[in-house]
Protein backbone atom coordinates (compact mmCIF):
# COMPACT_ATOMS: atom_id res chain seq x y z
CA MET A 1 47.95 27.95 122.65
CA ILE A 2 50.88 28.57 120.61
CA ALA A 3 53.60 30.78 122.63
CA LEU A 4 54.87 33.96 121.36
CA CYS A 5 58.45 33.79 120.34
CA GLN A 6 60.59 36.44 122.51
CA LYS A 7 63.07 38.59 120.92
CA GLN A 8 66.57 37.82 121.56
CA PRO A 9 68.29 40.57 123.87
CA ILE A 10 71.04 42.51 122.14
CA THR A 11 73.04 45.23 123.83
CA VAL A 12 74.07 48.15 121.34
CA LEU A 13 77.01 50.37 122.16
CA LEU A 14 76.80 53.75 120.23
CA ALA A 15 80.19 55.12 120.05
CA SER A 16 80.34 58.93 120.37
CA PRO A 17 81.18 61.29 118.62
CA ARG A 18 79.88 59.77 115.50
CA GLY A 19 78.43 61.20 112.25
CA PHE A 20 78.59 64.65 110.97
CA CYS A 21 81.68 66.80 111.55
CA ALA A 22 81.72 70.41 111.23
CA GLY A 23 83.20 70.59 107.92
CA VAL A 24 80.73 68.26 106.72
CA GLN A 25 77.84 70.30 107.94
CA ARG A 26 79.38 73.53 106.68
CA ALA A 27 79.55 72.25 103.08
CA ILE A 28 76.08 71.12 103.37
CA ASN A 29 74.85 74.32 104.64
CA ILE A 30 76.74 76.08 101.75
CA VAL A 31 74.82 73.95 99.14
CA GLN A 32 71.33 74.81 100.95
CA GLN A 33 72.31 78.43 101.33
CA ALA A 34 73.17 78.78 97.77
CA LEU A 35 69.95 77.20 96.76
CA SER A 36 67.98 79.63 99.16
CA LYS A 37 69.81 82.73 97.52
CA TRP A 38 69.93 81.92 93.83
CA GLY A 39 67.30 79.25 93.45
CA ALA A 40 67.66 75.81 91.58
CA PRO A 41 69.70 74.66 89.85
CA ILE A 42 72.65 75.23 91.62
CA TYR A 43 75.83 73.09 90.29
CA VAL A 44 78.22 71.18 92.62
CA ARG A 45 81.44 69.56 91.14
CA HIS A 46 81.70 65.85 92.58
CA TRP A 47 79.74 64.96 95.76
CA ILE A 48 79.58 67.90 98.21
CA VAL A 49 80.56 64.95 100.65
CA HIS A 50 81.12 61.17 100.76
CA ASN A 51 77.50 60.09 101.37
CA GLN A 52 74.49 59.20 98.93
CA CYS A 53 71.68 59.86 101.04
CA VAL A 54 73.25 63.43 101.36
CA VAL A 55 73.78 64.00 97.93
CA GLU A 56 70.03 62.13 97.12
CA ASN A 57 68.47 65.01 99.68
CA LEU A 58 70.45 67.72 98.10
CA GLU A 59 69.30 66.79 94.55
CA ALA A 60 65.79 66.61 95.79
CA GLN A 61 66.29 70.47 96.71
CA GLY A 62 67.67 71.56 93.22
CA ALA A 63 71.58 70.76 93.30
CA VAL A 64 72.89 69.20 90.18
CA PHE A 65 76.13 67.10 90.88
CA VAL A 66 78.79 67.01 88.04
CA LYS A 67 82.12 65.43 87.57
CA GLU A 68 83.97 68.52 85.86
CA LEU A 69 83.62 72.19 85.64
CA ASP A 70 82.88 71.99 81.69
CA GLN A 71 79.37 70.33 82.30
CA CYS A 72 78.35 73.60 84.28
CA PRO A 73 76.64 76.63 82.64
CA VAL A 74 78.28 79.84 83.03
CA ASP A 75 75.25 81.66 84.35
CA ARG A 76 74.67 79.37 87.58
CA PRO A 77 76.80 79.35 90.84
CA VAL A 78 79.15 76.42 91.14
CA MET A 79 80.13 75.00 94.76
CA PHE A 80 83.50 73.09 95.13
CA SER A 81 83.06 70.02 97.56
CA ALA A 82 84.45 69.69 101.06
CA HIS A 83 87.53 67.66 99.91
CA GLY A 84 89.08 70.42 98.05
CA VAL A 85 90.00 71.20 94.32
CA PRO A 86 93.26 71.73 92.40
CA GLN A 87 94.22 75.32 91.69
CA SER A 88 93.70 74.74 87.93
CA VAL A 89 89.76 74.17 88.84
CA ILE A 90 89.45 77.59 90.51
CA SER A 91 91.59 79.26 87.87
CA GLU A 92 89.29 77.58 85.16
CA ALA A 93 86.21 78.90 86.90
CA GLU A 94 87.59 82.50 87.07
CA ARG A 95 88.90 82.42 83.48
CA ARG A 96 84.78 81.41 82.44
CA GLN A 97 83.80 83.87 85.03
CA ILE A 98 81.65 81.41 86.91
CA THR A 99 80.44 82.31 90.27
CA TYR A 100 81.79 79.80 92.52
CA ILE A 101 81.72 78.88 96.15
CA ASP A 102 84.48 76.84 97.65
CA ALA A 103 83.04 74.53 100.30
CA THR A 104 86.56 73.00 101.00
CA CYS A 105 86.70 71.86 104.91
CA PRO A 106 88.98 74.61 106.81
CA LEU A 107 91.06 71.84 107.98
CA VAL A 108 91.72 70.62 104.35
CA SER A 109 92.70 74.44 103.24
CA LYS A 110 94.97 74.42 106.19
CA VAL A 111 97.07 71.50 104.78
CA HIS A 112 96.79 73.33 101.44
CA LEU A 113 98.37 76.46 102.92
CA LYS A 114 101.12 74.31 104.61
CA ALA A 115 102.06 72.60 101.47
CA LYS A 116 102.28 75.99 99.84
CA ARG A 117 104.26 77.60 102.45
CA TYR A 118 106.95 74.52 102.52
CA TYR A 119 107.14 74.87 98.66
CA ARG A 120 107.83 78.55 98.84
CA LEU A 121 110.61 77.77 101.26
CA GLY A 122 111.93 75.23 98.96
CA SER A 123 111.09 72.09 100.15
CA HIS A 124 109.80 68.90 98.34
CA VAL A 125 106.62 67.94 99.90
CA ILE A 126 105.68 64.61 100.72
CA LEU A 127 102.00 63.65 101.16
CA ILE A 128 100.80 60.75 103.20
CA GLY A 129 97.56 59.87 101.73
CA HIS A 130 95.29 57.46 99.21
CA ALA A 131 95.84 57.87 95.72
CA GLY A 132 92.78 58.95 93.61
CA HIS A 133 91.14 60.47 96.60
CA PRO A 134 89.76 63.85 95.84
CA GLU A 135 91.26 65.30 98.95
CA VAL A 136 94.74 64.04 97.71
CA ILE A 137 94.06 65.31 94.33
CA GLY A 138 93.15 68.71 95.50
CA THR A 139 96.10 68.99 97.78
CA ILE A 140 98.49 67.89 95.13
CA GLY A 141 97.19 70.46 92.80
CA GLN A 142 97.94 73.26 94.99
CA LEU A 143 101.51 72.97 93.81
CA PRO A 144 103.34 72.80 90.31
CA ASP A 145 103.82 69.20 88.88
CA GLY A 146 106.39 67.06 90.29
CA ALA A 147 106.34 69.27 93.69
CA VAL A 148 104.73 66.58 95.73
CA SER A 149 105.27 62.95 96.16
CA LEU A 150 102.65 60.69 97.34
CA VAL A 151 103.29 58.29 100.02
CA GLU A 152 100.75 55.32 100.75
CA ASP A 153 102.20 52.69 102.78
CA GLU A 154 105.39 51.49 104.64
CA THR A 155 106.96 49.98 101.61
CA GLN A 156 106.81 53.31 99.72
CA ALA A 157 107.92 55.26 102.63
CA GLU A 158 111.07 53.15 102.88
CA LYS A 159 111.90 53.31 99.05
CA PHE A 160 111.18 56.99 98.78
CA THR A 161 114.05 58.88 97.34
CA GLN A 162 114.55 62.59 97.88
CA PRO A 163 114.52 64.62 94.61
CA GLU A 164 118.26 65.92 93.85
CA SER A 165 116.86 69.36 93.13
CA SER A 166 115.12 69.79 96.48
CA LYS A 167 117.17 71.15 99.61
CA SER A 168 114.86 70.01 102.17
CA LEU A 169 111.75 67.66 102.67
CA ALA A 170 108.36 68.44 104.24
CA LEU A 171 105.59 66.30 105.15
CA ILE A 172 101.87 66.75 105.16
CA THR A 173 98.77 64.14 105.50
CA GLN A 174 95.66 63.68 104.35
CA THR A 175 93.00 64.46 106.99
CA THR A 176 91.00 61.46 106.75
CA LEU A 177 93.76 58.63 107.49
CA SER A 178 93.98 56.01 110.05
CA ILE A 179 95.84 57.72 113.11
CA ASP A 180 98.06 54.57 113.92
CA HIS A 181 98.76 53.95 110.10
CA THR A 182 100.17 57.20 109.60
CA ALA A 183 102.06 57.19 112.68
CA ARG A 184 104.07 54.47 111.36
CA LEU A 185 104.67 56.06 108.08
CA VAL A 186 105.42 59.39 109.73
CA ALA A 187 108.19 57.37 112.06
CA ILE A 188 109.60 55.67 108.90
CA LEU A 189 110.21 58.96 106.95
CA GLN A 190 111.80 60.90 110.15
CA ARG A 191 114.13 57.86 110.75
CA ARG A 192 114.93 57.87 107.05
CA PHE A 193 115.24 61.88 106.98
CA PRO A 194 115.81 63.14 110.23
CA ALA A 195 115.98 66.81 108.93
CA ILE A 196 112.29 66.62 107.44
CA PHE A 197 110.09 69.34 108.39
CA ALA A 198 107.01 67.29 109.93
CA PRO A 199 104.16 68.90 112.26
CA LYS A 200 104.06 68.28 115.58
CA ASN A 201 100.69 66.62 115.11
CA GLU A 202 99.74 65.05 112.01
CA ASP A 203 97.23 66.73 109.81
CA ILE A 204 94.49 63.97 110.59
CA CYS A 205 91.42 66.14 111.52
CA TYR A 206 89.86 66.20 114.78
CA ALA A 207 86.65 64.42 113.54
CA THR A 208 88.43 61.58 112.22
CA THR A 209 90.57 61.41 115.50
CA ASN A 210 87.72 61.45 117.68
CA ARG A 211 85.62 58.99 115.79
CA GLN A 212 88.38 56.76 115.75
CA ASN A 213 89.09 56.99 119.37
CA ALA A 214 85.43 56.13 120.10
CA VAL A 215 85.63 52.88 118.18
CA LYS A 216 88.73 52.02 120.21
CA ALA A 217 86.61 52.59 123.28
CA ILE A 218 84.02 50.08 122.25
CA ALA A 219 85.69 47.54 120.21
CA SER A 220 86.82 45.11 122.93
CA ASN A 221 83.68 45.03 124.29
CA CYS A 222 81.72 44.25 121.15
CA ASP A 223 80.88 41.12 119.26
CA ALA A 224 80.77 42.91 116.20
CA ILE A 225 80.54 46.56 115.08
CA LEU A 226 78.72 48.29 112.18
CA VAL A 227 80.04 51.52 110.57
CA ILE A 228 77.56 53.82 108.56
CA GLY A 229 79.16 55.24 105.58
CA ALA A 230 79.86 55.34 101.91
CA GLN A 231 82.27 53.12 100.62
CA ASN A 232 84.02 55.96 98.86
CA SER A 233 84.37 57.46 102.31
CA SER A 234 88.06 57.42 103.49
CA ASN A 235 87.17 58.23 107.24
CA SER A 236 84.40 55.57 107.29
CA ARG A 237 86.75 52.77 105.91
CA ARG A 238 89.21 53.94 108.35
CA LEU A 239 86.72 53.20 111.01
CA VAL A 240 86.33 49.55 110.16
CA GLU A 241 90.15 49.06 109.86
CA VAL A 242 90.43 50.63 113.29
CA ALA A 243 87.81 48.40 114.57
CA LYS A 244 89.47 45.20 113.40
CA ALA A 245 92.69 45.93 114.49
CA CYS A 246 91.27 46.63 118.12
CA GLY A 247 90.10 42.92 118.08
CA CYS A 248 86.72 43.02 116.51
CA GLU A 249 87.13 41.40 113.60
CA LYS A 250 83.54 41.13 112.70
CA SER A 251 83.28 44.65 111.49
CA ARG A 252 81.82 46.09 108.44
CA LEU A 253 80.77 48.92 106.48
CA ILE A 254 77.18 49.52 105.31
CA GLN A 255 75.53 52.52 103.98
CA ARG A 256 72.06 52.35 105.65
CA ALA A 257 70.17 49.42 107.46
CA SER A 258 68.43 48.26 104.36
CA ASP A 259 72.03 47.14 103.37
CA LEU A 260 72.34 44.51 106.54
CA ASP A 261 71.10 41.02 106.35
CA ILE A 262 69.78 40.29 109.65
CA ALA A 263 71.61 36.93 109.44
CA TRP A 264 74.96 38.85 110.04
CA LEU A 265 74.00 39.42 113.45
CA ILE A 266 73.34 35.71 114.59
CA GLY A 267 75.42 34.98 117.51
CA VAL A 268 76.09 38.79 118.34
CA HIS A 269 75.22 39.86 121.88
CA ARG A 270 76.96 43.23 121.78
CA LEU A 271 76.68 45.26 118.79
CA GLY A 272 78.97 48.37 118.08
CA ILE A 273 77.21 51.21 116.00
CA THR A 274 79.16 54.23 114.48
CA ALA A 275 78.86 56.57 111.44
CA GLY A 276 81.41 58.12 109.33
CA ALA A 277 82.09 62.17 109.25
CA SER A 278 79.68 62.38 106.32
CA ALA A 279 76.73 60.19 107.62
CA PRO A 280 73.65 61.93 108.92
CA GLU A 281 72.30 60.94 112.23
CA HIS A 282 69.12 59.76 111.06
CA LEU A 283 70.62 56.64 109.25
CA VAL A 284 71.92 55.68 112.82
CA GLU A 285 68.39 55.93 114.08
CA GLN A 286 67.22 53.74 111.22
CA LEU A 287 69.76 50.93 111.90
CA ILE A 288 68.60 51.13 115.67
CA ALA A 289 65.16 50.66 114.82
CA PHE A 290 65.76 47.99 112.27
CA CYS A 291 67.56 46.06 115.47
CA ARG A 292 64.66 46.81 117.40
CA LEU A 293 62.27 44.91 114.95
CA HIS A 294 64.36 41.74 115.51
CA TYR A 295 65.78 41.92 118.92
CA THR A 296 64.87 43.41 122.48
CA VAL A 297 67.67 46.11 122.49
CA THR A 298 69.64 47.90 125.29
CA LEU A 299 71.34 50.94 124.12
CA GLU A 300 74.60 52.30 125.89
CA GLU A 301 76.19 55.44 124.59
CA VAL A 302 80.08 55.51 125.07
CA GLU A 303 81.43 59.26 124.57
CA VAL A 304 85.23 59.63 124.62
CA VAL A 305 84.94 63.59 123.93
CA GLN A 306 82.16 66.18 123.47
CA GLU A 307 82.60 68.16 120.11
CA ASP A 308 81.68 71.93 119.88
CA ILE A 309 83.35 73.10 116.73
CA ARG A 310 81.59 75.17 114.26
CA PHE A 311 83.03 76.78 110.83
CA LYS A 312 81.69 79.99 109.47
CA LEU A 313 80.11 79.99 105.94
CA PRO A 314 81.88 81.60 103.01
CA PRO A 315 81.01 85.59 103.07
CA LEU A 316 79.14 85.43 99.65
CA ILE A 317 76.50 83.40 101.18
CA ALA A 318 76.68 84.00 105.02
């Protein structure tokens, strides 16, 4: 009689919090409420959040995702993504008399308001962030051309020169950055410009902070860490960086379980799993199920904080 091969054991450490944040859930709810109110199709400028699974699900319900406003008919409502949009996009929607719903995360909107306040006070604004990211484009687009300087790394922080036309400097940050990396850039800028207006706490949102802290809590106890999230998701990519910086070099980003070759887990006895703020929990469940197909899985959840934040929907669809 041939003995059945036994599955090898693996311990899965689930980082918590993980997955959807309040801003992402709000944005998805806005699209779904718009579909319920106006029916399909409704249009969404850019991905509502950076996750293909979420986008595909909303497309199946009747949402149409476009790159720019000129691809939208004037007689159908348009949603703006959770990352925020430049003022020029809102102005164009109003000029064309398009009904629009702004799904910008309230924490991103808070950064926009801060930038505008600094500008009114006569400050030149420094934005720490990643060039080309929709949130950065939207934040820079709140102010006139030249009013914001983008700083991405330590070299740029050291080389930044205050414009002669500005009487003071003020600092804001993208909400989905690495906490530790951002702190280093802030320290450089404060050393070089002691009078700079800087927030007591950087603008990195609570969800980004909590998910990074959860990864830090498990990294030293893991042989490998998998982060579920899209390649264009800033907060998801930061989780991989945090895991590696905390000693778990075998860490990677995947969109879903089907992206993982089981051979990658050879020699892994303790696997960490988390998900970016725009990744739905069912993708985590699918990854755990995938692991169970090949291993005898022991689950351990490591929670660093409980989240209970909720954001209201815009009045037009609330």
